[in-house]
PDB file of N, CA and C in Angstrom:
ATOM      1  N   MET A   1     120.824 153.702 127.245  1.00  0.00           N
ATOM      2  CA  MET A   1     122.422 154.474 126.235  1.00  0.00           C
ATOM      3  C   MET A   1     122.413 155.477 126.548  1.00  0.00           C
ATOM      4  N   THR A   2     123.802 155.924 126.831  1.00  0.00           N
ATOM      5  CA  THR A   2     124.505 157.380 126.799  1.00  0.00           C
ATOM      6  C   THR A   2     124.631 158.016 125.874  1.00  0.00           C
ATOM      7  N   ASP A   3     124.832 157.618 125.069  1.00  0.00           N
ATOM      8  CA  ASP A   3     125.209 158.228 123.840  1.00  0.00           C
ATOM      9  C   ASP A   3     124.903 157.510 122.345  1.00  0.00           C
ATOM     10  N   THR A   4     124.640 158.768 121.798  1.00  0.00           N
ATOM     11  CA  THR A   4     124.913 157.577 120.200  1.00  0.00           C
ATOM     12  C   THR A   4     125.056 158.730 119.262  1.00  0.00           C
ATOM     13  N   GLU A   5     125.589 158.385 118.141  1.00  0.00           N
ATOM     14  CA  GLU A   5     125.923 159.380 117.024  1.00  0.00           C
ATOM     15  C   GLU A   5     125.637 158.652 115.803  1.00  0.00           C
ATOM     16  N   THR A   6     125.864 159.021 115.060  1.00  0.00           N
ATOM     17  CA  THR A   6     125.567 158.532 113.563  1.00  0.00           C
ATOM     18  C   THR A   6     126.195 159.333 112.597  1.00  0.00           C
ATOM     19  N   ALA A   7     126.597 158.537 111.528  1.00  0.00           N
ATOM     20  CA  ALA A   7     127.083 159.299 110.146  1.00  0.00           C
ATOM     21  C   ALA A   7     127.073 158.449 108.994  1.00  0.00           C
ATOM     22  N   THR A   8     126.973 159.018 107.727  1.00  0.00           N
ATOM     23  CA  THR A   8     126.635 158.103 106.733  1.00  0.00           C
ATOM     24  C   THR A   8     127.721 158.885 105.626  1.00  0.00           C
ATOM     25  N   ALA A   9     128.264 158.147 104.732  1.00  0.00           N
ATOM     26  CA  ALA A   9     128.966 157.985 103.309  1.00  0.00           C
ATOM     27  C   ALA A   9     129.057 156.961 102.646  1.00  0.00           C
ATOM     28  N   ASN A  10     129.398 157.307 101.221  1.00  0.00           N
ATOM     29  CA  ASN A  10     129.685 156.061 100.776  1.00  0.00           C
ATOM     30  C   ASN A  10     128.685 155.231 100.752  1.00  0.00           C
ATOM     31  N   GLY A  11     127.505 155.223 100.821  1.00  0.00           N
ATOM     32  CA  GLY A  11     126.425 154.172 100.933  1.00  0.00           C
ATOM     33  C   GLY A  11     126.702 153.265 102.060  1.00  0.00           C
ATOM     34  N   VAL A  12     127.229 153.928 103.339  1.00  0.00           N
ATOM     35  CA  VAL A  12     127.416 153.279 104.373  1.00  0.00           C
ATOM     36  C   VAL A  12     126.839 154.135 105.284  1.00  0.00           C
ATOM     37  N   ALA A  13     125.923 153.529 106.613  1.00  0.00           N
ATOM     38  CA  ALA A  13     125.563 154.221 107.869  1.00  0.00           C
ATOM     39  C   ALA A  13     126.397 154.122 108.635  1.00  0.00           C
ATOM     40  N   ALA A  14     126.668 154.795 109.515  1.00  0.00           N
ATOM     41  CA  ALA A  14     127.221 154.262 110.833  1.00  0.00           C
ATOM     42  C   ALA A  14     126.263 154.892 112.367  1.00  0.00           C
ATOM     43  N   ARG A  15     126.573 153.767 112.773  1.00  0.00           N
ATOM     44  CA  ARG A  15     125.745 154.484 114.512  1.00  0.00           C
ATOM     45  C   ARG A  15     127.142 153.754 115.610  1.00  0.00           C
ATOM     46  N   TYR A  16     126.933 154.926 116.639  1.00  0.00           N
ATOM     47  CA  TYR A  16     128.224 154.746 117.542  1.00  0.00           C
ATOM     48  C   TYR A  16     127.189 155.022 118.783  1.00  0.00           C
ATOM     49  N   GLU A  17     127.169 153.733 119.840  1.00  0.00           N
ATOM     50  CA  GLU A  17     126.408 154.054 120.874  1.00  0.00           C
ATOM     51  C   GLU A  17     127.227 153.467 121.946  1.00  0.00           C
ATOM     52  N   GLU A  18     126.878 154.167 122.990  1.00  0.00           N
ATOM     53  CA  GLU A  18     127.186 153.601 124.711  1.00  0.00           C
ATOM     54  C   GLU A  18     126.062 152.814 125.627  1.00  0.00           C
ATOM     55  N   THR A  19     126.111 151.727 126.137  1.00  0.00           N
ATOM     56  CA  THR A  19     125.378 151.040 126.280  1.00  0.00           C
ATOM     57  C   THR A  19     126.186 150.739 128.044  1.00  0.00           C
ATOM     58  N   ASP A  20     125.288 150.462 128.909  1.00  0.00           N
ATOM     59  CA  ASP A  20     125.708 150.079 130.270  1.00  0.00           C
ATOM     60  C   ASP A  20     127.392 149.017 130.359  1.00  0.00           C
ATOM     61  N   GLY A  21     127.318 148.691 129.000  1.00  0.00           N
ATOM     62  CA  GLY A  21     128.608 147.556 129.429  1.00  0.00           C
ATOM     63  C   GLY A  21     129.744 147.805 127.966  1.00  0.00           C
ATOM     64  N   GLU A  22     128.975 148.128 126.988  1.00  0.00           N
ATOM     65  CA  GLU A  22     129.663 148.255 125.639  1.00  0.00           C
ATOM     66  C   GLU A  22     129.874 149.664 125.328  1.00  0.00           C
ATOM     67  N   ARG A  23     130.631 149.386 124.145  1.00  0.00           N
ATOM     68  CA  ARG A  23     130.679 151.105 123.342  1.00  0.00           C
ATOM     69  C   ARG A  23     130.602 150.236 122.080  1.00  0.00           C
ATOM     70  N   LEU A  24     129.390 150.572 120.945  1.00  0.00           N
ATOM     71  CA  LEU A  24     129.344 149.693 119.974  1.00  0.00           C
ATOM     72  C   LEU A  24     129.529 151.085 118.784  1.00  0.00           C
ATOM     73  N   LEU A  25     130.252 150.507 117.644  1.00  0.00           N
ATOM     74  CA  LEU A  25     130.062 151.408 116.025  1.00  0.00           C
ATOM     75  C   LEU A  25     129.588 150.284 115.204  1.00  0.00           C
ATOM     76  N   THR A  26     128.341 150.268 114.684  1.00  0.00           N
ATOM     77  CA  THR A  26     127.778 149.420 113.942  1.00  0.00           C
ATOM     78  C   THR A  26     127.696 150.046 112.598  1.00  0.00           C
ATOM     79  N   PHE A  27     128.188 149.421 111.887  1.00  0.00           N
ATOM     80  CA  PHE A  27     128.143 149.953 110.314  1.00  0.00           C
ATOM     81  C   PHE A  27     127.053 148.959 109.214  1.00  0.00           C
ATOM     82  N   SER A  28     126.234 149.731 108.572  1.00  0.00           N
ATOM     83  CA  SER A  28     125.313 149.260 107.745  1.00  0.00           C
ATOM     84  C   SER A  28     125.486 149.709 106.100  1.00  0.00           C
ATOM     85  N   ARG A  29     124.992 148.433 105.446  1.00  0.00           N
ATOM     86  CA  ARG A  29     125.215 148.530 103.762  1.00  0.00           C
ATOM     87  C   ARG A  29     124.158 147.627 103.418  1.00  0.00           C
ATOM     88  N   ASP A  30     123.314 147.811 102.489  1.00  0.00           N
ATOM     89  CA  ASP A  30     122.641 146.942 101.830  1.00  0.00           C
ATOM     90  C   ASP A  30     121.944 145.858 102.644  1.00  0.00           C
ATOM     91  N   GLY A  31     121.527 146.178 103.860  1.00  0.00           N
ATOM     92  CA  GLY A  31     120.850 145.099 104.606  1.00  0.00           C
ATOM     93  C   GLY A  31     121.612 144.227 105.655  1.00  0.00           C
ATOM     94  N   SER A  32     123.228 144.515 105.697  1.00  0.00           N
ATOM     95  CA  SER A  32     124.293 143.797 106.105  1.00  0.00           C
ATOM     96  C   SER A  32     124.506 144.683 107.357  1.00  0.00           C
ATOM     97  N   GLU A  33     125.353 144.093 108.256  1.00  0.00           N
ATOM     98  CA  GLU A  33     125.528 145.035 109.585  1.00  0.00           C
ATOM     99  C   GLU A  33     127.515 144.554 110.169  1.00  0.00           C
ATOM    100  N   ALA A  34     127.811 145.376 110.589  1.00  0.00           N
ATOM    101  CA  ALA A  34     128.901 144.815 111.065  1.00  0.00           C
ATOM    102  C   ALA A  34     129.408 145.551 112.375  1.00  0.00           C
ATOM    103  N   THR A  35     129.490 145.201 113.427  1.00  0.00           N
ATOM    104  CA  THR A  35     129.889 146.159 114.353  1.00  0.00           C
ATOM    105  C   THR A  35     131.300 145.886 115.460  1.00  0.00           C
ATOM    106  N   VAL A  36     131.648 146.991 115.727  1.00  0.00           N
ATOM    107  CA  VAL A  36     133.130 146.871 116.502  1.00  0.00           C
ATOM    108  C   VAL A  36     132.463 147.251 117.958  1.00  0.00           C
ATOM    109  N   ALA A  37     132.750 146.405 118.737  1.00  0.00           N
ATOM    110  CA  ALA A  37     132.403 146.492 119.983  1.00  0.00           C
ATOM    111  C   ALA A  37     133.782 146.422 121.324  1.00  0.00           C
ATOM    112  N   GLN A  38     133.632 147.367 121.961  1.00  0.00           N
ATOM    113  CA  GLN A  38     134.628 147.748 122.967  1.00  0.00           C
ATOM    114  C   GLN A  38     134.088 147.722 124.351  1.00  0.00           C
ATOM    115  N   ASN A  39     134.462 147.477 125.499  1.00  0.00           N
ATOM    116  CA  ASN A  39     134.046 147.284 126.701  1.00  0.00           C
ATOM    117  C   ASN A  39     133.368 148.745 127.382  1.00  0.00           C
ATOM    118  N   ALA A  40     132.873 148.756 128.114  1.00  0.00           N
ATOM    119  CA  ALA A  40     132.239 150.395 128.099  1.00  0.00           C
ATOM    120  C   ALA A  40     133.534 151.302 128.976  1.00  0.00           C
ATOM    121  N   GLU A  41     134.346 150.824 129.223  1.00  0.00           N
ATOM    122  CA  GLU A  41     135.527 151.684 129.848  1.00  0.00           C
ATOM    123  C   GLU A  41     136.675 152.015 128.726  1.00  0.00           C
ATOM    124  N   GLY A  42     136.160 151.286 127.587  1.00  0.00           N
ATOM    125  CA  GLY A  42     137.342 152.113 126.666  1.00  0.00           C
ATOM    126  C   GLY A  42     138.851 151.233 126.686  1.00  0.00           C
ATOM    127  N   TYR A  43     138.884 150.249 127.572  1.00  0.00           N
ATOM    128  CA  TYR A  43     139.803 149.297 127.025  1.00  0.00           C
ATOM    129  C   TYR A  43     139.683 147.912 126.825  1.00  0.00           C
ATOM    130  N   ALA A  44     140.684 147.215 126.359  1.00  0.00           N
ATOM    131  CA  ALA A  44     140.383 145.693 126.042  1.00  0.00           C
ATOM    132  C   ALA A  44     140.323 145.688 124.722  1.00  0.00           C
ATOM    133  N   MET A  45     140.324 144.702 124.022  1.00  0.00           N
ATOM    134  CA  MET A  45     140.443 144.353 122.827  1.00  0.00           C
ATOM    135  C   MET A  45     139.145 144.949 122.389  1.00  0.00           C
ATOM    136  N   LEU A  46     138.938 144.932 120.910  1.00  0.00           N
ATOM    137  CA  LEU A  46     137.828 145.358 120.223  1.00  0.00           C
ATOM    138  C   LEU A  46     137.156 144.127 119.688  1.00  0.00           C
ATOM    139  N   LYS A  47     135.723 143.809 119.566  1.00  0.00           N
ATOM    140  CA  LYS A  47     135.448 142.325 118.925  1.00  0.00           C
ATOM    141  C   LYS A  47     134.399 143.091 117.980  1.00  0.00           C
ATOM    142  N   VAL A  48     134.713 141.996 116.599  1.00  0.00           N
ATOM    143  CA  VAL A  48     133.966 142.155 115.526  1.00  0.00           C
ATOM    144  C   VAL A  48     132.853 141.337 115.396  1.00  0.00           C
ATOM    145  N   ARG A  49     131.709 141.797 115.162  1.00  0.00           N
ATOM    146  CA  ARG A  49     130.446 141.050 115.160  1.00  0.00           C
ATOM    147  C   ARG A  49     129.686 141.283 113.716  1.00  0.00           C
ATOM    148  N   ALA A  50     128.687 140.334 113.767  1.00  0.00           N
ATOM    149  CA  ALA A  50     127.949 140.450 112.306  1.00  0.00           C
ATOM    150  C   ALA A  50     126.836 141.412 112.945  1.00  0.00           C
ATOM    151  N   GLY A  51     126.769 142.523 113.504  1.00  0.00           N
ATOM    152  CA  GLY A  51     125.753 143.407 114.232  1.00  0.00           C
ATOM    153  C   GLY A  51     125.557 143.383 115.744  1.00  0.00           C
ATOM    154  N   PRO A  52     125.421 144.258 116.267  1.00  0.00           N
ATOM    155  CA  PRO A  52     125.113 144.526 117.636  1.00  0.00           C
ATOM    156  C   PRO A  52     124.885 143.436 118.297  1.00  0.00           C
ATOM    157  N   ASP A  53     124.129 142.387 118.387  1.00  0.00           N
ATOM    158  CA  ASP A  53     123.821 141.416 119.004  1.00  0.00           C
ATOM    159  C   ASP A  53     124.005 140.189 118.413  1.00  0.00           C
ATOM    160  N   GLY A  54     125.097 140.346 117.466  1.00  0.00           N
ATOM    161  CA  GLY A  54     125.750 138.784 116.653  1.00  0.00           C
ATOM    162  C   GLY A  54     126.995 138.325 117.454  1.00  0.00           C
ATOM    163  N   ASP A  55     127.147 137.389 117.196  1.00  0.00           N
ATOM    164  CA  ASP A  55     128.402 136.265 117.026  1.00  0.00           C
ATOM    165  C   ASP A  55     129.799 136.862 117.161  1.00  0.00           C
ATOM    166  N   GLU A  56     130.366 137.102 118.169  1.00  0.00           N
ATOM    167  CA  GLU A  56     131.756 137.690 118.364  1.00  0.00           C
ATOM    168  C   GLU A  56     132.433 136.694 116.980  1.00  0.00           C
ATOM    169  N   LEU A  57     133.152 137.193 116.233  1.00  0.00           N
ATOM    170  CA  LEU A  57     133.645 136.805 114.650  1.00  0.00           C
ATOM    171  C   LEU A  57     135.599 136.936 114.769  1.00  0.00           C
ATOM    172  N   GLU A  58     135.809 137.856 115.551  1.00  0.00           N
ATOM    173  CA  GLU A  58     137.459 137.932 115.936  1.00  0.00           C
ATOM    174  C   GLU A  58     137.360 139.166 116.742  1.00  0.00           C
ATOM    175  N   ARG A  59     138.770 139.296 117.180  1.00  0.00           N
ATOM    176  CA  ARG A  59     139.174 139.942 118.404  1.00  0.00           C
ATOM    177  C   ARG A  59     140.339 140.704 117.541  1.00  0.00           C
ATOM    178  N   TYR A  60     140.524 142.224 118.277  1.00  0.00           N
ATOM    179  CA  TYR A  60     141.826 143.023 117.779  1.00  0.00           C
ATOM    180  C   TYR A  60     141.968 143.873 118.492  1.00  0.00           C
ATOM    181  N   TYR A  61     143.626 143.999 118.957  1.00  0.00           N
ATOM    182  CA  TYR A  61     143.868 145.521 119.311  1.00  0.00           C
ATOM    183  C   TYR A  61     143.720 146.741 118.935  1.00  0.00           C
ATOM    184  N   GLY A  62     143.674 146.493 117.200  1.00  0.00           N
ATOM    185  CA  GLY A  62     143.965 147.788 117.125  1.00  0.00           C
ATOM    186  C   GLY A  62     142.469 148.370 116.000  1.00  0.00           C
ATOM    187  N   PHE A  63     142.365 149.384 116.096  1.00  0.00           N
ATOM    188  CA  PHE A  63     141.217 150.385 115.813  1.00  0.00           C
ATOM    189  C   PHE A  63     140.959 149.602 113.873  1.00  0.00           C
ATOM    190  N   ASP A  64     142.419 150.138 113.554  1.00  0.00           N
ATOM    191  CA  ASP A  64     142.516 149.774 112.132  1.00  0.00           C
ATOM    192  C   ASP A  64     142.407 148.263 111.476  1.00  0.00           C
ATOM    193  N   MET A  65     142.331 147.595 112.469  1.00  0.00           N
ATOM    194  CA  MET A  65     142.483 146.440 111.778  1.00  0.00           C
ATOM    195  C   MET A  65     141.051 145.711 112.225  1.00  0.00           C
ATOM    196  N   ALA A  66     140.123 146.345 113.365  1.00  0.00           N
ATOM    197  CA  ALA A  66     138.757 146.296 113.496  1.00  0.00           C
ATOM    198  C   ALA A  66     137.679 146.494 112.163  1.00  0.00           C
ATOM    199  N   LEU A  67     138.471 147.903 111.892  1.00  0.00           N
ATOM    200  CA  LEU A  67     137.765 148.725 110.883  1.00  0.00           C
ATOM    201  C   LEU A  67     137.987 147.807 109.550  1.00  0.00           C
ATOM    202  N   ASP A  68     139.096 147.254 109.346  1.00  0.00           N
ATOM    203  CA  ASP A  68     139.244 146.268 108.071  1.00  0.00           C
ATOM    204  C   ASP A  68     138.269 145.138 107.680  1.00  0.00           C
ATOM    205  N   HIS A  69     138.066 144.417 109.124  1.00  0.00           N
ATOM    206  CA  HIS A  69     137.594 143.418 109.220  1.00  0.00           C
ATOM    207  C   HIS A  69     136.338 143.613 108.577  1.00  0.00           C
ATOM    208  N   ALA A  70     135.691 144.801 109.321  1.00  0.00           N
ATOM    209  CA  ALA A  70     133.638 145.310 109.463  1.00  0.00           C
ATOM    210  C   ALA A  70     133.672 145.961 107.837  1.00  0.00           C
ATOM    211  N   ALA A  71     135.019 146.606 107.057  1.00  0.00           N
ATOM    212  CA  ALA A  71     134.365 146.565 106.087  1.00  0.00           C
ATOM    213  C   ALA A  71     134.357 145.720 104.996  1.00  0.00           C
ATOM    214  N   GLU A  72     135.201 144.379 105.143  1.00  0.00           N
ATOM    215  CA  GLU A  72     135.783 143.305 104.347  1.00  0.00           C
ATOM    216  C   GLU A  72     133.852 142.429 104.821  1.00  0.00           C
ATOM    217  N   LEU A  73     133.198 142.834 105.776  1.00  0.00           N
ATOM    218  CA  LEU A  73     131.924 142.081 105.909  1.00  0.00           C
ATOM    219  C   LEU A  73     131.035 143.120 104.736  1.00  0.00           C
ATOM    220  N   LEU A  74     131.381 143.891 104.695  1.00  0.00           N
ATOM    221  CA  LEU A  74     130.202 144.663 104.244  1.00  0.00           C
ATOM    222  C   LEU A  74     130.425 144.830 102.738  1.00  0.00           C
ATOM    223  N   GLY A  75     131.879 144.456 102.593  1.00  0.00           N
ATOM    224  CA  GLY A  75     132.122 144.732 100.843  1.00  0.00           C
ATOM    225  C   GLY A  75     132.776 145.902 100.428  1.00  0.00           C
ATOM    226  N   VAL A  76     133.316 146.691 101.368  1.00  0.00           N
ATOM    227  CA  VAL A  76     133.185 147.784 100.971  1.00  0.00           C
ATOM    228  C   VAL A  76     135.271 148.461 101.495  1.00  0.00           C
ATOM    229  N   ASP A  77     135.785 149.344 100.894  1.00  0.00           N
ATOM    230  CA  ASP A  77     136.976 149.570 101.810  1.00  0.00           C
ATOM    231  C   ASP A  77     137.025 150.480 102.495  1.00  0.00           C
ATOM    232  N   VAL A  78     137.978 150.430 103.453  1.00  0.00           N
ATOM    233  CA  VAL A  78     138.111 151.170 104.600  1.00  0.00           C
ATOM    234  C   VAL A  78     137.992 152.332 105.078  1.00  0.00           C
ATOM    235  N   PRO A  79     138.128 153.150 103.685  1.00  0.00           N
ATOM    236  CA  PRO A  79     138.431 154.331 103.521  1.00  0.00           C
ATOM    237  C   PRO A  79     136.376 154.974 103.466  1.00  0.00           C
ATOM    238  N   ASP A  80     135.781 153.607 103.133  1.00  0.00           N
ATOM    239  CA  ASP A  80     134.262 154.206 102.646  1.00  0.00           C
ATOM    240  C   ASP A  80     133.431 154.083 103.860  1.00  0.00           C
ATOM    241  N   LEU A  81     133.996 153.906 105.128  1.00  0.00           N
ATOM    242  CA  LEU A  81     133.502 153.528 106.027  1.00  0.00           C
ATOM    243  C   LEU A  81     133.823 154.923 107.186  1.00  0.00           C
ATOM    244  N   PRO A  82     132.415 155.324 107.506  1.00  0.00           N
ATOM    245  CA  PRO A  82     132.037 156.838 108.337  1.00  0.00           C
ATOM    246  C   PRO A  82     132.044 156.106 109.600  1.00  0.00           C
ATOM    247  N   VAL A  83     133.326 157.200 110.323  1.00  0.00           N
ATOM    248  CA  VAL A  83     133.564 156.818 111.757  1.00  0.00           C
ATOM    249  C   VAL A  83     133.058 157.926 112.710  1.00  0.00           C
ATOM    250  N   PRO A  84     132.138 158.354 113.314  1.00  0.00           N
ATOM    251  CA  PRO A  84     131.762 159.211 114.198  1.00  0.00           C
ATOM    252  C   PRO A  84     132.634 159.574 115.249  1.00  0.00           C
ATOM    253  N   ASP A  85     132.839 160.891 115.169  1.00  0.00           N
ATOM    254  CA  ASP A  85     134.242 161.649 116.556  1.00  0.00           C
ATOM    255  C   ASP A  85     134.091 160.835 117.666  1.00  0.00           C
ATOM    256  N   ALA A  86     132.852 160.054 118.371  1.00  0.00           N
ATOM    257  CA  ALA A  86     132.858 159.952 119.309  1.00  0.00           C
ATOM    258  C   ALA A  86     133.396 158.554 119.263  1.00  0.00           C
ATOM    259  N   ALA A  87     133.454 157.567 117.955  1.00  0.00           N
ATOM    260  CA  ALA A  87     134.045 156.500 117.965  1.00  0.00           C
ATOM    261  C   ALA A  87     135.836 156.546 117.936  1.00  0.00           C
ATOM    262  N   ALA A  88     136.147 157.516 117.155  1.00  0.00           N
ATOM    263  CA  ALA A  88     137.466 157.743 116.913  1.00  0.00           C
ATOM    264  C   ALA A  88     138.462 157.289 117.640  1.00  0.00           C
ATOM    265  N   ASP A  89     138.381 157.242 118.832  1.00  0.00           N
ATOM    266  CA  ASP A  89     139.460 156.447 119.853  1.00  0.00           C
ATOM    267  C   ASP A  89     139.224 155.199 120.231  1.00  0.00           C
ATOM    268  N   MET A  90     138.709 154.456 119.579  1.00  0.00           N
ATOM    269  CA  MET A  90     138.570 153.633 119.695  1.00  0.00           C
ATOM    270  C   MET A  90     139.429 152.214 119.629  1.00  0.00           C
ATOM    271  N   GLY A  91     139.963 150.934 120.541  1.00  0.00           N
ATOM    272  CA  GLY A  91     140.973 150.372 120.270  1.00  0.00           C
ATOM    273  C   GLY A  91     142.233 150.750 121.546  1.00  0.00           C
ATOM    274  N   MET A  92     143.135 149.697 121.306  1.00  0.00           N
ATOM    275  CA  MET A  92     144.516 150.329 122.381  1.00  0.00           C
ATOM    276  C   MET A  92     145.107 150.773 122.071  1.00  0.00           C
TER     277      MET A  92
END
């Protein structure tokens, strides 16, 4: 991994990391996870998964829509999701 950044707010923990192939933003709350993934080059659609290694549930062009789905999976509102600065530019 080349970069990792974390944030916590409103009972939700966020972990942003870059791997050789992807940028991953994983939210955790009460034992549940939701991951927003994008290719390492920073373009292409965002994938929402039930965790960093989970199956893809849906694809989105916009970061806001991916965050909405992640929040729904965790049972929180989008403003409750802490987004580390390094992940703020995800999406097309």
